[in-house]
Amino acid sequence: MSLLRAVPASAFATASASFDALVCVVPAPITPHLGALGPASGAIENALAIDAALSKGGRPPVVLGATGAPGGRVVLAVYGSGNAAFADIEDVRLVAEAAAAGVARAIEAGASRPLVLAIAPAAQPSSRFSHVPEVAALAALSTQWFPLEAREAGKAPRAAEAIGIVGLDEARARWVDAVEAGKRLARDIAGTDPERMAPLRIATLCEEVFSGTGVEVEVERDVSAYPLLAAVARASQVVERHRPCVVRLSYAPPGKIDRTLILAGKGVTYDTGGADLKTDGAMAGMSRDKGGAAAVAGLLRTVSTLSLPGVRVIGLLGLVRNSIGEESFVSDEIIRSRAGVRVRIGNTDAEGRLVLADLLAEGRELAEHAVDPTLASVATLTGHVYRAHGPYVGLINNAASRARGDVERLDALAEQWAEPLERSRPRREDYALIAARSSAEDVVSSNRLASVNTPRGHQFPFAFLDVAAGLRGSALPFLHFDIGGAAVDPPDWQFGKPTGTPIATLSAWLAAR
């Protein structure tokens, strides 16, 4: 049952009795917004008279007593700088951060049914803050996700019984619930340890989650049709529970299909680096290297819940463990991809692009019989994307996708849904880096350095995918989402919470086209 309770603005006063705390998410400075805060206004005004610093953004939420407020308490969460000079760089993530912190503080204070009132900044560009209630709702609900291991052990913290959001109607609440359902599935897959979410256990979870949803689930245990993926998984084959699989998720709504999105998700359940072993503590957190497959599975969960008309979505999850052992693949091997391209292995720790290349080749095959197809890959692919862009998705696409204006539309939606991205485009240097050095190969998978030490370290893998998947020169629109910097928050791969990015953005994109 959903925790979310939609409270239209017109019902704010009467609905308050159903909740036990009012979380006010307010832009700095607070004073112009006091009139919109209902029963909280007097308590906040009195508190400001004592401590003017409460009006500043970026501080921990404050709990105030307030007669007439739900539960007699108000949680004040102020966001933003309050400086109009910074209006061009502040975005709706400030709302999300304040809402999450405010709800967490309300529950810490003893509330179990917080009501969230989130106010948009009047001076900001309206397009970036056009979904403030929904963004606040997603952030609030995210605080109620706890790791699967904790839930199964009965060690999860006390959770809310309900969360109200002022300004939501039932239709928008259903949208939020569907997106959150996808994000929860993505968090469970990405955020759970490598044994609990070994490849076939993820497949089993997908079969359970998608039963009765209209999403068809196929599990391919024989991965010989994916030569590059099979090479990555070769050392894991000797341990039965670590063996690889490819999971196909397919959703098609009733009626006419107008467009098709085919996604490839990198699902490396643990990345040791293979024969090019990760050292100096760099292996910790590599159970999160399945974040791309997790996001793809989550998107299918959201799309099927929303029953989006006219759009078919196919997700290909490449679930493998990059193990070390006597069967490890090694640098200098030359392996034909599913597309028939001879790939020389440059570094076994650049394994994700090998998994994706074969999945994308299958996606290209599926696209031949699809209506208005688009191909996309989602992966925690490089450390370079975080080095270059910080906590943003790196998005790069081919000429067919650029001609259609995909990135511009996705960029705008990502800003609105608190999943911002940075744009790149492929360059000749990217193709030069992966070009064949001899007649023995058609393409080289990578250089010998870590991506963070390589110029254009998150862009050149796009060139490899383009060539190794047989896409180069194709009229098929192709987009690549590198979520290496945005898959967990804070950006600590071992302990950060999985975000489910970019499920909200892609859901909005599919609904809007």
Protein backbone atom coordinates (compact mmCIF):
# COMPACT_ATOMS: atom_id res chain seq x y z
CA MET A 1 0.00 0.00 0.00
CA SER A 2 1.30 3.46 -0.87
CA LEU A 3 2.53 5.79 1.85
CA LEU A 4 1.66 8.83 -0.25
CA ARG A 5 -1.40 10.91 0.53
CA ALA A 6 -2.41 13.61 -1.95
CA VAL A 7 -3.64 16.79 -0.27
CA PRO A 8 -4.96 19.39 -2.73
CA ALA A 9 -4.12 22.94 -1.71
CA SER A 10 -7.80 23.64 -1.15
CA ALA A 11 -7.92 20.85 1.46
CA PHE A 12 -4.80 21.92 3.37
CA ALA A 13 -6.63 23.22 6.44
CA THR A 14 -9.08 20.34 6.80
CA ALA A 15 -6.53 17.60 6.06
CA SER A 16 -4.11 18.74 8.76
CA ALA A 17 -5.92 16.73 11.42
CA SER A 18 -4.91 13.49 9.69
CA PHE A 19 -1.18 14.19 10.20
CA ASP A 20 1.14 14.69 13.15
CA ALA A 21 3.79 17.09 11.84
CA LEU A 22 3.93 19.85 9.24
CA VAL A 23 7.16 19.92 7.24
CA CYS A 24 7.57 23.36 5.65
CA VAL A 25 10.01 23.32 2.72
CA VAL A 26 10.51 27.03 2.09
CA PRO A 27 12.90 29.07 -0.07
CA ALA A 28 15.12 31.67 1.55
CA PRO A 29 14.30 34.30 2.60
CA ILE A 30 11.25 32.98 4.47
CA THR A 31 9.38 36.20 5.23
CA PRO A 32 7.62 36.65 1.83
CA HIS A 33 6.18 33.14 2.17
CA LEU A 34 4.86 33.29 5.75
CA GLY A 35 1.29 33.82 4.56
CA ALA A 36 1.33 30.52 2.68
CA LEU A 37 2.44 28.46 5.68
CA GLY A 38 -0.97 28.24 7.36
CA PRO A 39 -0.81 27.22 11.04
CA ALA A 40 3.00 27.27 10.91
CA SER A 41 3.28 30.98 10.12
CA GLY A 42 2.98 32.31 13.66
CA ALA A 43 5.47 29.85 15.15
CA ILE A 44 7.99 30.50 12.38
CA GLU A 45 7.58 34.27 12.66
CA ASN A 46 8.20 34.08 16.41
CA ALA A 47 11.24 31.88 15.89
CA LEU A 48 12.67 34.30 13.34
CA ALA A 49 12.31 37.13 15.83
CA ILE A 50 14.59 35.19 18.17
CA ASP A 51 16.99 33.80 15.56
CA ALA A 52 17.14 35.53 12.18
CA ALA A 53 19.58 32.88 10.93
CA LEU A 54 16.66 30.43 10.65
CA SER A 55 15.79 32.19 7.40
CA LYS A 56 19.01 31.03 5.73
CA GLY A 57 19.05 28.00 3.47
CA GLY A 58 21.36 25.02 3.60
CA ARG A 59 21.01 24.43 7.36
CA PRO A 60 19.62 21.37 9.16
CA PRO A 61 15.84 21.42 9.65
CA VAL A 62 14.52 22.91 12.88
CA VAL A 63 11.60 21.55 14.94
CA LEU A 64 9.24 24.17 16.39
CA GLY A 65 6.17 23.91 18.58
CA ALA A 66 3.10 25.35 16.85
CA THR A 67 -0.43 25.46 18.19
CA GLY A 68 -2.86 24.41 15.48
CA ALA A 69 -0.25 22.65 13.35
CA PRO A 70 -0.52 18.88 12.82
CA GLY A 71 0.75 17.21 15.98
CA GLY A 72 1.54 20.63 17.40
CA ARG A 73 4.89 20.71 15.63
CA VAL A 74 6.46 22.27 12.58
CA VAL A 75 9.67 21.18 10.90
CA LEU A 76 11.24 24.11 9.08
CA ALA A 77 13.49 23.15 6.15
CA VAL A 78 14.84 26.19 4.33
CA TYR A 79 16.55 25.88 0.96
CA GLY A 80 18.37 28.14 -1.49
CA SER A 81 20.71 31.07 -1.05
CA GLY A 82 18.07 33.79 -1.16
CA ASN A 83 20.41 35.66 -3.49
CA ALA A 84 18.88 36.54 -6.85
CA ALA A 85 22.38 36.58 -8.36
CA PHE A 86 22.47 32.79 -8.04
CA ALA A 87 19.05 32.15 -9.56
CA ASP A 88 20.60 30.80 -12.75
CA ILE A 89 22.47 27.99 -10.97
CA GLU A 90 20.04 26.91 -8.26
CA ASP A 91 17.78 24.01 -9.22
CA VAL A 92 14.96 21.86 -7.90
CA ARG A 93 17.35 19.45 -6.19
CA LEU A 94 17.37 22.02 -3.39
CA VAL A 95 13.69 21.24 -2.83
CA ALA A 96 14.37 17.51 -2.87
CA GLU A 97 17.21 17.78 -0.39
CA ALA A 98 15.22 19.98 2.00
CA ALA A 99 12.12 17.76 1.77
CA ALA A 100 14.10 14.60 2.48
CA ALA A 101 15.91 16.20 5.41
CA GLY A 102 12.67 17.66 6.77
CA VAL A 103 10.75 14.38 6.66
CA ALA A 104 13.65 12.48 8.22
CA ARG A 105 13.79 15.07 11.01
CA ALA A 106 10.03 14.87 11.57
CA ILE A 107 10.20 11.11 11.99
CA GLU A 108 13.20 11.48 14.28
CA ALA A 109 11.09 13.88 16.37
CA GLY A 110 8.44 11.19 16.78
CA ALA A 111 6.07 11.84 13.89
CA SER A 112 4.68 8.96 11.89
CA ARG A 113 2.38 10.89 9.51
CA PRO A 114 4.21 14.03 8.34
CA LEU A 115 2.52 16.47 5.98
CA VAL A 116 4.87 18.24 3.54
CA LEU A 117 4.21 21.75 2.28
CA ALA A 118 6.80 22.66 -0.37
CA ILE A 119 6.87 26.16 -1.81
CA ALA A 120 8.55 27.10 -5.09
CA PRO A 121 10.83 30.14 -5.23
CA ALA A 122 9.00 33.01 -6.89
CA ALA A 123 12.10 34.46 -8.57
CA GLN A 124 13.36 31.27 -10.20
CA PRO A 125 12.67 30.24 -13.81
CA SER A 126 9.32 28.49 -13.58
CA SER A 127 10.25 25.65 -15.93
CA ARG A 128 12.90 24.29 -13.59
CA PHE A 129 10.52 24.39 -10.63
CA SER A 130 7.38 23.23 -12.42
CA HIS A 131 7.05 19.99 -10.42
CA VAL A 132 7.87 21.09 -6.88
CA PRO A 133 5.16 19.00 -5.13
CA GLU A 134 6.11 15.88 -7.10
CA VAL A 135 9.83 16.34 -6.52
CA ALA A 136 9.22 16.90 -2.80
CA ALA A 137 7.05 13.79 -2.72
CA LEU A 138 9.69 11.61 -4.38
CA ALA A 139 12.34 12.91 -1.99
CA ALA A 140 10.11 12.32 1.02
CA LEU A 141 9.26 8.78 -0.09
CA SER A 142 12.93 8.04 -0.72
CA THR A 143 13.62 8.46 2.99
CA GLN A 144 11.42 5.43 3.62
CA TRP A 145 13.55 3.04 1.58
CA PHE A 146 15.88 0.93 3.67
CA PRO A 147 18.39 -1.65 2.41
CA LEU A 148 16.89 -5.03 1.58
CA GLU A 149 19.33 -6.73 3.97
CA ALA A 150 18.04 -4.55 6.82
CA ARG A 151 14.41 -5.22 5.96
CA GLU A 152 14.93 -8.96 5.71
CA ALA A 153 16.77 -9.00 9.03
CA GLY A 154 14.06 -6.96 10.74
CA LYS A 155 16.58 -4.19 11.40
CA ALA A 156 15.09 -1.40 9.31
CA PRO A 157 14.51 1.88 11.20
CA ARG A 158 11.03 3.00 12.18
CA ALA A 159 9.16 4.09 9.07
CA ALA A 160 6.36 6.53 8.43
CA GLU A 161 2.77 5.30 8.29
CA ALA A 162 1.85 7.92 5.69
CA ILE A 163 3.32 11.01 4.04
CA GLY A 164 1.05 13.81 2.88
CA ILE A 165 2.01 16.25 0.14
CA VAL A 166 0.15 19.54 -0.15
CA GLY A 167 -0.60 20.53 -3.74
CA LEU A 168 -0.86 17.05 -5.22
CA ASP A 169 -4.02 15.72 -6.81
CA GLU A 170 -4.74 12.02 -7.18
CA ALA A 171 -3.53 11.79 -10.79
CA ARG A 172 -0.15 13.34 -9.99
CA ALA A 173 0.12 11.21 -6.86
CA ARG A 174 -0.32 8.09 -8.99
CA TRP A 175 2.53 9.30 -11.22
CA VAL A 176 4.77 9.82 -8.19
CA ASP A 177 3.87 6.40 -6.78
CA ALA A 178 4.73 4.73 -10.08
CA VAL A 179 8.10 6.48 -10.33
CA GLU A 180 8.88 5.66 -6.71
CA ALA A 181 7.96 2.00 -7.28
CA GLY A 182 10.54 1.92 -10.06
CA LYS A 183 13.13 3.66 -7.95
CA ARG A 184 12.55 1.27 -5.05
CA LEU A 185 13.15 -1.72 -7.31
CA ALA A 186 16.28 -0.05 -8.69
CA ARG A 187 17.55 0.65 -5.17
CA ASP A 188 16.95 -2.94 -4.11
CA ILE A 189 18.88 -4.29 -7.09
CA ALA A 190 21.71 -1.76 -7.02
CA GLY A 191 22.06 -1.38 -3.28
CA THR A 192 22.13 -4.99 -2.18
CA ASP A 193 25.24 -7.06 -1.60
CA PRO A 194 26.75 -9.15 -4.40
CA GLU A 195 25.63 -12.50 -2.99
CA ARG A 196 22.05 -11.47 -2.22
CA MET A 197 21.83 -9.91 -5.70
CA ALA A 198 23.92 -12.35 -7.70
CA PRO A 199 22.88 -12.54 -11.39
CA LEU A 200 20.28 -15.29 -11.15
CA ARG A 201 18.86 -13.87 -7.92
CA ILE A 202 18.20 -10.61 -9.73
CA ALA A 203 16.49 -12.62 -12.46
CA THR A 204 14.31 -14.33 -9.86
CA LEU A 205 13.44 -10.97 -8.31
CA CYS A 206 12.39 -9.66 -11.72
CA GLU A 207 10.16 -12.68 -12.27
CA GLU A 208 8.49 -12.07 -8.91
CA VAL A 209 8.14 -8.28 -9.23
CA PHE A 210 6.79 -8.30 -12.77
CA SER A 211 4.36 -11.19 -12.32
CA GLY A 212 0.92 -9.95 -13.31
CA THR A 213 2.13 -6.50 -14.41
CA GLY A 214 2.01 -7.05 -18.16
CA VAL A 215 5.81 -7.09 -18.41
CA GLU A 216 7.10 -10.24 -20.07
CA VAL A 217 10.24 -11.65 -18.41
CA GLU A 218 12.66 -13.95 -20.22
CA VAL A 219 15.82 -15.25 -18.55
CA GLU A 220 18.63 -16.46 -20.82
CA ARG A 221 21.08 -18.56 -18.82
CA ASP A 222 23.11 -19.61 -21.84
CA VAL A 223 25.04 -16.46 -22.71
CA SER A 224 27.06 -17.94 -25.58
CA ALA A 225 25.17 -15.66 -28.00
CA TYR A 226 26.83 -12.72 -26.21
CA PRO A 227 30.56 -13.42 -26.71
CA LEU A 228 31.90 -10.28 -25.02
CA LEU A 229 29.54 -10.61 -22.07
CA ALA A 230 30.44 -14.30 -21.79
CA ALA A 231 34.13 -13.42 -21.68
CA VAL A 232 33.56 -11.05 -18.75
CA ALA A 233 31.66 -13.81 -16.94
CA ARG A 234 34.08 -16.59 -17.78
CA ALA A 235 35.81 -16.81 -14.40
CA SER A 236 32.46 -16.69 -12.61
CA GLN A 237 31.13 -19.79 -14.40
CA VAL A 238 33.00 -22.10 -12.02
CA VAL A 239 30.82 -20.90 -9.11
CA GLU A 240 27.22 -21.84 -9.75
CA ARG A 241 25.62 -18.97 -7.82
CA HIS A 242 27.78 -16.43 -9.70
CA ARG A 243 26.87 -17.59 -13.19
CA PRO A 244 25.63 -14.96 -15.65
CA CYS A 245 22.33 -14.43 -17.38
CA VAL A 246 20.60 -11.95 -19.64
CA VAL A 247 17.13 -10.84 -18.56
CA ARG A 248 14.74 -9.45 -21.18
CA LEU A 249 11.90 -7.31 -19.93
CA SER A 250 9.24 -6.33 -22.47
CA TYR A 251 6.24 -4.07 -21.99
CA ALA A 252 3.65 -3.28 -24.65
CA PRO A 253 0.43 -1.42 -23.81
CA PRO A 254 -2.90 -2.30 -25.41
CA GLY A 255 -3.65 -0.59 -28.69
CA LYS A 256 -1.45 0.96 -31.31
CA ILE A 257 2.31 1.23 -30.75
CA ASP A 258 3.73 4.58 -31.87
CA ARG A 259 7.32 4.27 -30.68
CA THR A 260 9.75 1.82 -29.10
CA LEU A 261 12.53 2.31 -26.57
CA ILE A 262 15.09 -0.48 -26.26
CA LEU A 263 17.44 -0.19 -23.30
CA ALA A 264 20.63 -2.04 -22.40
CA GLY A 265 21.55 -2.02 -18.72
CA LYS A 266 24.96 -2.86 -17.31
CA GLY A 267 24.48 -5.29 -14.45
CA VAL A 268 27.92 -6.20 -13.14
CA THR A 269 26.96 -7.63 -9.76
CA TYR A 270 30.56 -7.44 -8.57
CA ASP A 271 33.55 -6.00 -10.32
CA THR A 272 36.91 -7.22 -9.09
CA GLY A 273 38.52 -5.70 -12.16
CA GLY A 274 39.21 -9.22 -13.42
CA ALA A 275 42.81 -10.00 -14.31
CA ASP A 276 43.53 -6.25 -14.18
CA LEU A 277 42.61 -6.43 -10.50
CA LYS A 278 41.35 -3.37 -8.64
CA THR A 279 43.83 -2.52 -5.87
CA ASP A 280 44.35 0.01 -3.07
CA GLY A 281 40.81 -0.42 -1.77
CA ALA A 282 39.19 0.41 -5.10
CA MET A 283 37.15 -2.81 -5.04
CA ALA A 284 34.95 -1.71 -2.14
CA GLY A 285 31.55 -0.61 -3.39
CA MET A 286 31.76 -2.56 -6.64
CA SER A 287 28.52 -4.37 -5.80
CA ARG A 288 26.92 -1.10 -6.98
CA ASP A 289 28.23 -1.62 -10.53
CA LYS A 290 24.81 -3.03 -11.43
CA GLY A 291 23.15 0.37 -11.19
CA GLY A 292 22.45 0.60 -14.93
CA ALA A 293 20.56 -2.68 -15.06
CA ALA A 294 18.79 -1.66 -11.85
CA ALA A 295 17.60 1.60 -13.42
CA VAL A 296 16.39 -0.19 -16.55
CA ALA A 297 14.41 -2.70 -14.48
CA GLY A 298 13.02 0.16 -12.41
CA LEU A 299 11.94 2.05 -15.52
CA LEU A 300 10.00 -1.00 -16.74
CA ARG A 301 8.32 -1.16 -13.33
CA THR A 302 7.29 2.49 -13.60
CA VAL A 303 6.15 2.33 -17.23
CA SER A 304 4.03 -0.76 -16.64
CA THR A 305 2.42 0.81 -13.55
CA LEU A 306 1.61 3.98 -15.49
CA SER A 307 0.33 1.98 -18.49
CA LEU A 308 1.80 4.59 -20.81
CA PRO A 309 -0.10 4.42 -24.10
CA GLY A 310 1.56 3.96 -27.45
CA VAL A 311 5.04 3.16 -26.18
CA ARG A 312 6.73 -0.23 -26.15
CA VAL A 313 9.72 -0.60 -23.82
CA ILE A 314 12.23 -3.42 -23.91
CA GLY A 315 14.93 -3.76 -21.28
CA LEU A 316 17.98 -5.98 -21.69
CA LEU A 317 19.81 -6.61 -18.43
CA GLY A 318 23.33 -8.02 -18.73
CA LEU A 319 23.89 -9.64 -15.32
CA VAL A 320 27.44 -10.86 -14.79
CA ARG A 321 30.16 -10.99 -12.18
CA ASN A 322 33.64 -9.90 -13.27
CA SER A 323 35.54 -12.44 -11.20
CA ILE A 324 39.20 -13.28 -10.95
CA GLY A 325 40.41 -16.86 -11.44
CA GLU A 326 42.06 -19.35 -13.71
CA GLU A 327 39.35 -18.79 -16.31
CA SER A 328 39.66 -14.99 -16.31
CA PHE A 329 39.72 -13.28 -19.67
CA VAL A 330 42.82 -11.14 -20.11
CA SER A 331 44.07 -8.14 -21.99
CA ASP A 332 45.20 -8.84 -25.57
CA GLU A 333 42.48 -11.43 -26.18
CA ILE A 334 40.59 -10.84 -29.42
CA ILE A 335 36.90 -11.69 -29.20
CA ARG A 336 34.19 -11.28 -31.81
CA SER A 337 31.23 -9.31 -30.50
CA ARG A 338 27.65 -10.36 -31.14
CA ALA A 339 27.77 -7.92 -34.07
CA GLY A 340 30.78 -9.76 -35.53
CA VAL A 341 33.29 -7.02 -34.67
CA ARG A 342 36.75 -8.23 -33.59
CA VAL A 343 37.50 -6.64 -30.22
CA ARG A 344 40.97 -6.57 -28.72
CA ILE A 345 40.72 -6.41 -24.93
CA GLY A 346 42.69 -3.45 -23.63
CA ASN A 347 41.91 -3.74 -19.92
CA THR A 348 39.70 -6.28 -18.17
CA ASP A 349 38.49 -3.61 -15.74
CA ALA A 350 36.76 -1.92 -18.69
CA GLU A 351 34.25 -4.76 -18.65
CA GLY A 352 30.97 -2.84 -18.64
CA ARG A 353 31.30 -1.66 -22.23
CA LEU A 354 31.80 -5.28 -23.32
CA VAL A 355 28.54 -6.30 -21.65
CA LEU A 356 26.73 -3.33 -23.19
CA ALA A 357 28.13 -3.84 -26.69
CA ASP A 358 26.54 -7.28 -27.03
CA LEU A 359 23.25 -6.12 -25.52
CA LEU A 360 23.17 -3.14 -27.88
CA ALA A 361 23.84 -5.47 -30.80
CA GLU A 362 20.76 -7.45 -29.78
CA GLY A 363 18.89 -4.18 -29.39
CA ARG A 364 19.84 -3.24 -32.95
CA GLU A 365 18.43 -6.57 -34.13
CA LEU A 366 15.18 -5.97 -32.23
CA ALA A 367 14.95 -2.45 -33.64
CA GLU A 368 14.74 -3.81 -37.18
CA HIS A 369 11.20 -5.00 -36.46
CA ALA A 370 10.13 -2.20 -34.11
CA VAL A 371 8.01 0.91 -34.61
CA ASP A 372 10.02 4.17 -34.46
CA PRO A 373 12.81 2.61 -32.38
CA THR A 374 15.33 4.34 -30.13
CA LEU A 375 18.26 2.52 -28.56
CA ALA A 376 19.79 3.53 -25.21
CA SER A 377 22.33 2.22 -22.74
CA VAL A 378 22.40 2.96 -19.01
CA ALA A 379 25.48 2.16 -16.98
CA THR A 380 27.71 3.01 -14.08
CA LEU A 381 30.38 2.94 -16.73
CA THR A 382 33.25 5.20 -15.73
CA GLY A 383 34.85 7.02 -12.84
CA HIS A 384 35.75 9.73 -15.31
CA VAL A 385 32.16 10.93 -15.59
CA TYR A 386 32.25 11.86 -11.90
CA ARG A 387 35.72 13.38 -12.25
CA ALA A 388 34.48 15.48 -15.18
CA HIS A 389 30.93 16.31 -14.13
CA GLY A 390 30.48 15.51 -10.46
CA PRO A 391 27.04 14.16 -9.41
CA TYR A 392 25.45 14.50 -12.84
CA VAL A 393 24.44 11.99 -15.48
CA GLY A 394 26.70 12.12 -18.52
CA LEU A 395 24.60 11.88 -21.69
CA ILE A 396 26.04 11.39 -25.15
CA ASN A 397 24.24 10.44 -28.36
CA ASN A 398 24.71 9.78 -32.04
CA ALA A 399 23.88 11.90 -35.07
CA ALA A 400 20.41 10.37 -35.57
CA SER A 401 19.45 11.19 -32.00
CA ARG A 402 20.96 14.69 -32.20
CA ALA A 403 18.99 15.45 -35.34
CA ARG A 404 15.82 14.68 -33.42
CA GLY A 405 16.72 16.97 -30.50
CA ASP A 406 16.63 14.19 -27.90
CA VAL A 407 19.27 15.63 -25.59
CA GLU A 408 17.71 19.06 -25.43
CA ARG A 409 14.37 17.58 -24.38
CA LEU A 410 15.94 15.20 -21.90
CA ASP A 411 18.06 17.99 -20.45
CA ALA A 412 14.96 20.12 -19.78
CA LEU A 413 13.08 17.23 -18.20
CA ALA A 414 16.04 16.18 -16.08
CA GLU A 415 16.19 19.69 -14.60
CA GLN A 416 12.50 19.53 -13.71
CA TRP A 417 12.76 16.11 -12.07
CA ALA A 418 15.92 16.70 -9.98
CA GLU A 419 18.04 14.33 -12.09
CA PRO A 420 20.20 16.87 -13.96
CA LEU A 421 22.58 15.81 -16.68
CA GLU A 422 25.58 17.11 -18.57
CA ARG A 423 25.72 16.82 -22.34
CA SER A 424 28.61 15.52 -24.41
CA ARG A 425 28.99 14.56 -28.02
CA PRO A 426 31.32 12.08 -29.73
CA ARG A 427 34.50 13.49 -31.25
CA ARG A 428 37.10 12.17 -33.67
CA GLU A 429 39.56 11.73 -30.80
CA ASP A 430 37.19 9.20 -29.23
CA TYR A 431 37.21 7.03 -32.33
CA ALA A 432 40.96 7.43 -32.73
CA LEU A 433 41.54 6.08 -29.23
CA ILE A 434 39.64 2.84 -29.90
CA ALA A 435 40.80 2.37 -33.49
CA ALA A 436 42.51 -0.87 -34.51
CA ARG A 437 46.28 -0.87 -34.18
CA SER A 438 46.82 -3.96 -36.34
CA SER A 439 45.00 -6.16 -38.80
CA ALA A 440 44.24 -8.61 -35.99
CA GLU A 441 41.40 -6.51 -34.54
CA ASP A 442 38.69 -4.12 -35.68
CA VAL A 443 38.53 -2.13 -32.46
CA VAL A 444 40.28 -1.87 -29.09
CA SER A 445 38.09 -1.90 -26.01
CA SER A 446 40.14 0.58 -23.99
CA ASN A 447 43.56 1.90 -23.22
CA ARG A 448 45.55 0.61 -20.25
CA LEU A 449 44.84 3.52 -17.91
CA ALA A 450 41.91 4.05 -15.59
CA SER A 451 39.20 6.24 -17.12
CA VAL A 452 39.89 9.00 -14.58
CA ASN A 453 43.44 9.26 -15.95
CA THR A 454 42.38 9.32 -19.60
CA PRO A 455 41.37 12.44 -21.53
CA ARG A 456 37.71 12.09 -22.56
CA GLY A 457 37.54 9.03 -20.34
CA HIS A 458 33.75 8.83 -20.32
CA GLN A 459 33.24 9.94 -23.92
CA PHE A 460 35.46 7.50 -25.79
CA PRO A 461 33.59 4.42 -24.47
CA PHE A 462 30.62 5.68 -26.50
CA ALA A 463 32.76 5.33 -29.62
CA PHE A 464 33.60 1.76 -28.64
CA LEU A 465 29.92 0.91 -28.12
CA ASP A 466 29.06 2.51 -31.44
CA VAL A 467 31.60 0.37 -33.30
CA ALA A 468 31.50 -2.91 -31.35
CA ALA A 469 27.68 -3.08 -31.42
CA GLY A 470 27.61 -2.51 -35.19
CA LEU A 471 25.83 0.84 -34.84
CA ARG A 472 28.35 3.11 -36.55
CA GLY A 473 26.69 4.90 -39.46
CA SER A 474 23.25 3.59 -38.53
CA ALA A 475 20.13 5.74 -38.77
CA LEU A 476 18.95 4.24 -35.47
CA PRO A 477 18.92 6.93 -32.72
CA PHE A 478 21.27 5.88 -29.90
CA LEU A 479 21.78 7.50 -26.51
CA HIS A 480 24.19 6.53 -23.75
CA PHE A 481 23.61 7.46 -20.10
CA ASP A 482 26.71 7.17 -17.90
CA ILE A 483 25.32 7.31 -14.36
CA GLY A 484 28.64 6.64 -12.63
CA GLY A 485 28.46 9.96 -10.80
CA ALA A 486 24.74 9.94 -10.03
CA ALA A 487 23.93 6.33 -9.11
CA VAL A 488 24.40 6.84 -5.36
CA ASP A 489 23.94 9.80 -3.04
CA PRO A 490 26.19 10.81 -1.39
CA PRO A 491 28.73 9.69 -4.03
CA ASP A 492 30.21 6.94 -1.84
CA TRP A 493 29.86 3.72 -3.79
CA GLN A 494 30.09 1.53 -0.70
CA PHE A 495 27.68 3.38 1.60
CA GLY A 496 25.78 5.93 -0.53
CA LYS A 497 22.07 5.30 -1.12
CA PRO A 498 21.15 4.25 -4.67
CA THR A 499 19.16 6.96 -6.42
CA GLY A 500 17.34 5.15 -9.23
CA THR A 501 18.45 7.91 -11.60
CA PRO A 502 17.32 8.53 -14.39
CA ILE A 503 13.94 6.77 -13.98
CA ALA A 504 11.90 9.94 -13.41
CA THR A 505 13.45 11.70 -16.39
CA LEU A 506 12.99 8.79 -18.79
CA SER A 507 9.43 8.23 -17.60
CA ALA A 508 8.58 11.87 -18.27
CA TRP A 509 10.29 11.67 -21.67
CA LEU A 510 8.30 8.61 -22.69
CA ALA A 511 5.06 10.18 -21.53
CA ALA A 512 5.72 13.49 -23.29
CA ARG A 513 6.81 12.33 -26.75
